[in-house]
Amino acid sequence: MGEARKNRVLKEFALEEEGQHIGLGIHIGLPFLNLLKTIKRIKLCEEL
């Protein structure tokens, strides 16, 4: 395998890994944000 090709493959692999982490972050993060919003809403309702 040529050096340039090896570097490209490594770069693509790194991007794929990063993409999976970002995807996972969004997957976990969105429900968490919704939960926080719900909690805030409940607290506001209790104060009224």
PDB file of N, CA and C in Angstrom:
ATOM      1  N   MET A   1       0.855  -1.191   0.000  1.00  0.00           N
ATOM      2  CA  MET A   1       0.000   0.000   0.000  1.00  0.00           C
ATOM      3  C   MET A   1       0.887   1.235   0.000  1.00  0.00           C
ATOM      4  N   GLY A   2       0.580   2.171  -0.921  1.00  0.00           N
ATOM      5  CA  GLY A   2       1.369   3.401  -0.991  1.00  0.00           C
ATOM      6  C   GLY A   2       1.115   4.292   0.216  1.00  0.00           C
ATOM      7  N   GLU A   3       2.080   5.153   0.493  1.00  0.00           N
ATOM      8  CA  GLU A   3       1.999   6.043   1.661  1.00  0.00           C
ATOM      9  C   GLU A   3       0.783   6.973   1.588  1.00  0.00           C
ATOM     10  N   ALA A   4       0.553   7.565   0.409  1.00  0.00           N
ATOM     11  CA  ALA A   4      -0.570   8.503   0.244  1.00  0.00           C
ATOM     12  C   ALA A   4      -1.900   7.792   0.477  1.00  0.00           C
ATOM     13  N   ARG A   5      -1.999   6.590  -0.077  1.00  0.00           N
ATOM     14  CA  ARG A   5      -3.241   5.822   0.070  1.00  0.00           C
ATOM     15  C   ARG A   5      -3.464   5.449   1.533  1.00  0.00           C
ATOM     16  N   LYS A   6      -2.396   5.064   2.200  1.00  0.00           N
ATOM     17  CA  LYS A   6      -2.495   4.675   3.612  1.00  0.00           C
ATOM     18  C   LYS A   6      -2.982   5.862   4.444  1.00  0.00           C
ATOM     19  N   ASN A   7      -2.441   7.040   4.176  1.00  0.00           N
ATOM     20  CA  ASN A   7      -2.844   8.253   4.897  1.00  0.00           C
ATOM     21  C   ASN A   7      -4.315   8.577   4.660  1.00  0.00           C
ATOM     22  N   ARG A   8      -4.745   8.396   3.406  1.00  0.00           N
ATOM     23  CA  ARG A   8      -6.138   8.700   3.068  1.00  0.00           C
ATOM     24  C   ARG A   8      -7.085   7.745   3.801  1.00  0.00           C
ATOM     25  N   VAL A   9      -6.719   6.479   3.824  1.00  0.00           N
ATOM     26  CA  VAL A   9      -7.543   5.475   4.498  1.00  0.00           C
ATOM     27  C   VAL A   9      -7.624   5.779   5.992  1.00  0.00           C
ATOM     28  N   LEU A  10      -6.477   6.136   6.581  1.00  0.00           N
ATOM     29  CA  LEU A  10      -6.449   6.471   8.007  1.00  0.00           C
ATOM     30  C   LEU A  10      -7.318   7.694   8.292  1.00  0.00           C
ATOM     31  N   LYS A  11      -7.237   8.684   7.400  1.00  0.00           N
ATOM     32  CA  LYS A  11      -8.009   9.916   7.572  1.00  0.00           C
ATOM     33  C   LYS A  11      -9.509   9.610   7.496  1.00  0.00           C
ATOM     34  N   GLU A  12      -9.890   8.783   6.511  1.00  0.00           N
ATOM     35  CA  GLU A  12     -11.302   8.417   6.351  1.00  0.00           C
ATOM     36  C   GLU A  12     -11.793   7.661   7.576  1.00  0.00           C
ATOM     37  N   PHE A  13     -10.947   6.793   8.097  1.00  0.00           N
ATOM     38  CA  PHE A  13     -11.308   6.006   9.274  1.00  0.00           C
ATOM     39  C   PHE A  13     -11.505   6.921  10.478  1.00  0.00           C
ATOM     40  N   ALA A  14     -10.604   7.885  10.630  1.00  0.00           N
ATOM     41  CA  ALA A  14     -10.687   8.839  11.742  1.00  0.00           C
ATOM     42  C   ALA A  14     -11.974   9.662  11.641  1.00  0.00           C
ATOM     43  N   LEU A  15     -12.316  10.094  10.424  1.00  0.00           N
ATOM     44  CA  LEU A  15     -13.536  10.881  10.218  1.00  0.00           C
ATOM     45  C   LEU A  15     -14.772  10.054  10.538  1.00  0.00           C
ATOM     46  N   GLU A  16     -14.730   8.783  10.145  1.00  0.00           N
ATOM     47  CA  GLU A  16     -15.862   7.895  10.397  1.00  0.00           C
ATOM     48  C   GLU A  16     -16.050   7.718  11.902  1.00  0.00           C
ATOM     49  N   GLU A  17     -14.945   7.514  12.600  1.00  0.00           N
ATOM     50  CA  GLU A  17     -14.976   7.363  14.063  1.00  0.00           C
ATOM     51  C   GLU A  17     -15.578   8.612  14.693  1.00  0.00           C
ATOM     52  N   GLU A  18     -15.104   9.769  14.254  1.00  0.00           N
ATOM     53  CA  GLU A  18     -15.560  11.052  14.783  1.00  0.00           C
ATOM     54  C   GLU A  18     -17.054  11.225  14.503  1.00  0.00           C
ATOM     55  N   GLY A  19     -17.454  10.870  13.303  1.00  0.00           N
ATOM     56  CA  GLY A  19     -18.858  10.961  12.915  1.00  0.00           C
ATOM     57  C   GLY A  19     -19.739  10.111  13.809  1.00  0.00           C
ATOM     58  N   GLN A  20     -19.250   8.914  14.153  1.00  0.00           N
ATOM     59  CA  GLN A  20     -20.016   8.034  15.030  1.00  0.00           C
ATOM     60  C   GLN A  20     -20.141   8.651  16.414  1.00  0.00           C
ATOM     61  N   HIS A  21     -19.063   9.268  16.889  1.00  0.00           N
ATOM     62  CA  HIS A  21     -19.104   9.912  18.204  1.00  0.00           C
ATOM     63  C   HIS A  21     -20.100  11.067  18.197  1.00  0.00           C
ATOM     64  N   ILE A  22     -20.076  11.853  17.121  1.00  0.00           N
ATOM     65  CA  ILE A  22     -21.004  12.983  16.998  1.00  0.00           C
ATOM     66  C   ILE A  22     -22.437  12.454  16.935  1.00  0.00           C
ATOM     67  N   GLY A  23     -22.634  11.415  16.145  1.00  0.00           N
ATOM     68  CA  GLY A  23     -23.960  10.804  16.024  1.00  0.00           C
ATOM     69  C   GLY A  23     -24.457  10.303  17.370  1.00  0.00           C
ATOM     70  N   LEU A  24     -23.576   9.674  18.107  1.00  0.00           N
ATOM     71  CA  LEU A  24     -23.915   9.151  19.432  1.00  0.00           C
ATOM     72  C   LEU A  24     -24.230  10.297  20.380  1.00  0.00           C
ATOM     73  N   GLY A  25     -23.444  11.366  20.280  1.00  0.00           N
ATOM     74  CA  GLY A  25     -23.662  12.539  21.121  1.00  0.00           C
ATOM     75  C   GLY A  25     -25.035  13.148  20.888  1.00  0.00           C
ATOM     76  N   ILE A  26     -25.417  13.217  19.615  1.00  0.00           N
ATOM     77  CA  ILE A  26     -26.732  13.761  19.263  1.00  0.00           C
ATOM     78  C   ILE A  26     -27.821  12.814  19.757  1.00  0.00           C
ATOM     79  N   HIS A  27     -27.580  11.524  19.570  1.00  0.00           N
ATOM     80  CA  HIS A  27     -28.550  10.500  19.962  1.00  0.00           C
ATOM     81  C   HIS A  27     -28.830  10.561  21.463  1.00  0.00           C
ATOM     82  N   ILE A  28     -27.788  10.758  22.251  1.00  0.00           N
ATOM     83  CA  ILE A  28     -27.922  10.837  23.710  1.00  0.00           C
ATOM     84  C   ILE A  28     -28.328  12.250  24.127  1.00  0.00           C
ATOM     85  N   GLY A  29     -27.768  13.237  23.453  1.00  0.00           N
ATOM     86  CA  GLY A  29     -27.964  14.634  23.838  1.00  0.00           C
ATOM     87  C   GLY A  29     -29.377  15.161  23.662  1.00  0.00           C
ATOM     88  N   LEU A  30     -30.032  14.797  22.554  1.00  0.00           N
ATOM     89  CA  LEU A  30     -31.373  15.330  22.297  1.00  0.00           C
ATOM     90  C   LEU A  30     -32.393  14.911  23.352  1.00  0.00           C
ATOM     91  N   PRO A  31     -32.506  13.635  23.676  1.00  0.00           N
ATOM     92  CA  PRO A  31     -33.457  13.252  24.733  1.00  0.00           C
ATOM     93  C   PRO A  31     -33.127  13.934  26.059  1.00  0.00           C
ATOM     94  N   PHE A  32     -31.833  14.107  26.315  1.00  0.00           N
ATOM     95  CA  PHE A  32     -31.394  14.748  27.554  1.00  0.00           C
ATOM     96  C   PHE A  32     -31.851  16.206  27.596  1.00  0.00           C
ATOM     97  N   LEU A  33     -31.696  16.908  26.471  1.00  0.00           N
ATOM     98  CA  LEU A  33     -32.149  18.303  26.381  1.00  0.00           C
ATOM     99  C   LEU A  33     -33.661  18.398  26.553  1.00  0.00           C
ATOM    100  N   ASN A  34     -34.371  17.462  25.947  1.00  0.00           N
ATOM    101  CA  ASN A  34     -35.833  17.447  26.082  1.00  0.00           C
ATOM    102  C   ASN A  34     -36.231  17.233  27.531  1.00  0.00           C
ATOM    103  N   LEU A  35     -35.491  16.384  28.214  1.00  0.00           N
ATOM    104  CA  LEU A  35     -35.742  16.117  29.630  1.00  0.00           C
ATOM    105  C   LEU A  35     -35.541  17.391  30.447  1.00  0.00           C
ATOM    106  N   LEU A  36     -34.450  18.106  30.161  1.00  0.00           N
ATOM    107  CA  LEU A  36     -34.181  19.363  30.874  1.00  0.00           C
ATOM    108  C   LEU A  36     -35.295  20.377  30.639  1.00  0.00           C
ATOM    109  N   LYS A  37     -35.753  20.472  29.387  1.00  0.00           N
ATOM    110  CA  LYS A  37     -36.837  21.403  29.053  1.00  0.00           C
ATOM    111  C   LYS A  37     -38.097  21.038  29.828  1.00  0.00           C
ATOM    112  N   THR A  38     -38.379  19.756  29.893  1.00  0.00           N
ATOM    113  CA  THR A  38     -39.567  19.278  30.609  1.00  0.00           C
ATOM    114  C   THR A  38     -39.473  19.620  32.083  1.00  0.00           C
ATOM    115  N   ILE A  39     -38.302  19.410  32.668  1.00  0.00           N
ATOM    116  CA  ILE A  39     -38.087  19.722  34.086  1.00  0.00           C
ATOM    117  C   ILE A  39     -38.296  21.218  34.337  1.00  0.00           C
ATOM    118  N   LYS A  40     -37.744  22.047  33.466  1.00  0.00           N
ATOM    119  CA  LYS A  40     -37.913  23.502  33.604  1.00  0.00           C
ATOM    120  C   LYS A  40     -39.386  23.879  33.539  1.00  0.00           C
ATOM    121  N   ARG A  41     -40.098  23.250  32.600  1.00  0.00           N
ATOM    122  CA  ARG A  41     -41.518  23.540  32.418  1.00  0.00           C
ATOM    123  C   ARG A  41     -42.301  23.160  33.677  1.00  0.00           C
ATOM    124  N   ILE A  42     -41.997  22.008  34.251  1.00  0.00           N
ATOM    125  CA  ILE A  42     -42.667  21.544  35.469  1.00  0.00           C
ATOM    126  C   ILE A  42     -42.401  22.522  36.613  1.00  0.00           C
ATOM    127  N   LYS A  43     -41.149  22.947  36.740  1.00  0.00           N
ATOM    128  CA  LYS A  43     -40.795  23.896  37.807  1.00  0.00           C
ATOM    129  C   LYS A  43     -41.544  25.212  37.634  1.00  0.00           C
ATOM    130  N   LEU A  44     -41.655  25.691  36.402  1.00  0.00           N
ATOM    131  CA  LEU A  44     -42.394  26.930  36.126  1.00  0.00           C
ATOM    132  C   LEU A  44     -43.862  26.773  36.507  1.00  0.00           C
ATOM    133  N   CYS A  45     -44.438  25.634  36.170  1.00  0.00           N
ATOM    134  CA  CYS A  45     -45.843  25.381  36.481  1.00  0.00           C
ATOM    135  C   CYS A  45     -46.062  25.334  37.989  1.00  0.00           C
ATOM    136  N   GLU A  46     -45.112  24.766  38.721  1.00  0.00           N
ATOM    137  CA  GLU A  46     -45.231  24.674  40.177  1.00  0.00           C
ATOM    138  C   GLU A  46     -45.173  26.057  40.816  1.00  0.00           C
ATOM    139  N   GLU A  47     -44.383  26.966  40.216  1.00  0.00           N
ATOM    140  CA  GLU A  47     -44.233  28.314  40.773  1.00  0.00           C
ATOM    141  C   GLU A  47     -45.475  29.165  40.552  1.00  0.00           C
ATOM    142  N   LEU A  48     -46.220  28.878  39.485  1.00  0.00           N
ATOM    143  CA  LEU A  48     -47.403  29.690  39.155  1.00  0.00           C
ATOM    144  C   LEU A  48     -48.548  29.492  40.142  1.00  0.00           C
TER     145      LEU A  48
END
